[in-house]
Amino acid sequence: TGYLGMDVKFEGQSLRITSVASGGVAQMSGVRSGDILTAVDNTQVNPTTTFGNRLDAKTLTVVRDGRQIEIKIGVR
């Protein structure tokens, strides 16, 4: 997730985005601190999910203010 410019932390089964780097890919795409990441490229995220050395995601699915939102990475 460092490649995208964001930090995340599991809270139970949920992966919360704890910070988004100013000017990073995540921020430029519309990701916000506090979003709950539920899927990467339509693959559900859980505590056993691994991303390897680099996350080349095209879409992130997040929950924000109780609504599910799909964010296209690199597109604003």
Protein backbone atom coordinates (compact mmCIF):
# COMPACT_ATOMS: atom_id res chain seq x y z
CA THR A 1 0.00 0.00 0.00
CA GLY A 2 3.07 2.23 0.30
CA TYR A 3 3.24 2.37 -3.51
CA LEU A 4 -0.19 4.01 -3.48
CA GLY A 5 0.79 6.48 -0.75
CA MET A 6 -1.42 5.27 2.07
CA ASP A 7 -1.09 3.47 5.38
CA VAL A 8 -3.59 0.87 6.52
CA LYS A 9 -4.37 -1.04 9.70
CA PHE A 10 -6.65 -3.96 10.43
CA GLU A 11 -9.34 -3.30 13.02
CA GLY A 12 -10.89 -6.74 13.50
CA GLN A 13 -11.88 -7.90 10.02
CA SER A 14 -11.84 -4.36 8.55
CA LEU A 15 -8.86 -2.70 6.89
CA ARG A 16 -8.96 1.01 7.76
CA ILE A 17 -6.95 3.54 5.76
CA THR A 18 -5.15 5.44 8.52
CA SER A 19 -3.33 8.04 6.43
CA VAL A 20 -3.03 9.18 2.82
CA ALA A 21 0.14 10.89 1.58
CA SER A 22 -0.36 14.33 0.12
CA GLY A 23 0.21 14.20 -3.64
CA GLY A 24 0.34 10.39 -3.67
CA VAL A 25 -1.53 8.09 -6.04
CA ALA A 26 -4.19 7.27 -3.42
CA GLN A 27 -4.91 10.92 -2.63
CA MET A 28 -4.97 11.90 -6.31
CA SER A 29 -7.46 9.05 -6.92
CA GLY A 30 -9.81 10.19 -4.15
CA VAL A 31 -8.93 7.83 -1.29
CA ARG A 32 -9.44 9.42 2.15
CA SER A 33 -8.08 8.67 5.58
CA GLY A 34 -10.77 6.77 7.49
CA ASP A 35 -12.07 4.86 4.46
CA ILE A 36 -12.55 1.13 5.05
CA LEU A 37 -10.89 -0.90 2.27
CA THR A 38 -13.08 -3.89 1.41
CA ALA A 39 -11.73 -5.05 -1.97
CA VAL A 40 -8.82 -4.60 -4.37
CA ASP A 41 -9.64 -5.24 -8.03
CA ASN A 42 -12.87 -6.97 -6.89
CA THR A 43 -10.98 -9.36 -4.56
CA GLN A 44 -12.25 -9.15 -0.98
CA VAL A 45 -9.71 -7.98 1.62
CA ASN A 46 -9.34 -9.85 4.91
CA PRO A 47 -6.62 -10.25 7.58
CA THR A 48 -4.87 -12.97 5.54
CA THR A 49 -4.71 -10.94 2.30
CA THR A 50 -1.18 -10.34 1.01
CA PHE A 51 -0.21 -7.82 -1.63
CA GLY A 52 3.40 -8.88 -2.18
CA ASN A 53 6.09 -6.27 -2.71
CA ARG A 54 3.96 -3.97 -4.82
CA LEU A 55 0.25 -3.27 -5.16
CA ASP A 56 -0.65 -2.70 -8.83
CA ALA A 57 -4.34 -2.15 -8.20
CA LYS A 58 -6.66 -0.69 -10.78
CA THR A 59 -9.64 -0.26 -8.42
CA LEU A 60 -10.22 -0.09 -4.69
CA THR A 61 -13.61 -0.62 -3.10
CA VAL A 62 -14.06 1.33 0.11
CA VAL A 63 -16.83 2.09 2.57
CA ARG A 64 -17.14 5.78 3.38
CA ASP A 65 -19.92 7.23 5.51
CA GLY A 66 -21.81 3.93 5.26
CA ARG A 67 -21.72 3.87 1.45
CA GLN A 68 -19.68 1.54 -0.75
CA ILE A 69 -17.58 3.40 -3.33
CA GLU A 70 -15.37 2.06 -6.13
CA ILE A 71 -12.28 4.20 -6.71
CA LYS A 72 -10.29 3.94 -9.91
CA ILE A 73 -6.61 4.25 -9.12
CA GLY A 74 -4.77 7.00 -10.94
CA VAL A 75 -7.98 8.58 -12.22
CA ARG A 76 -9.54 11.65 -10.67
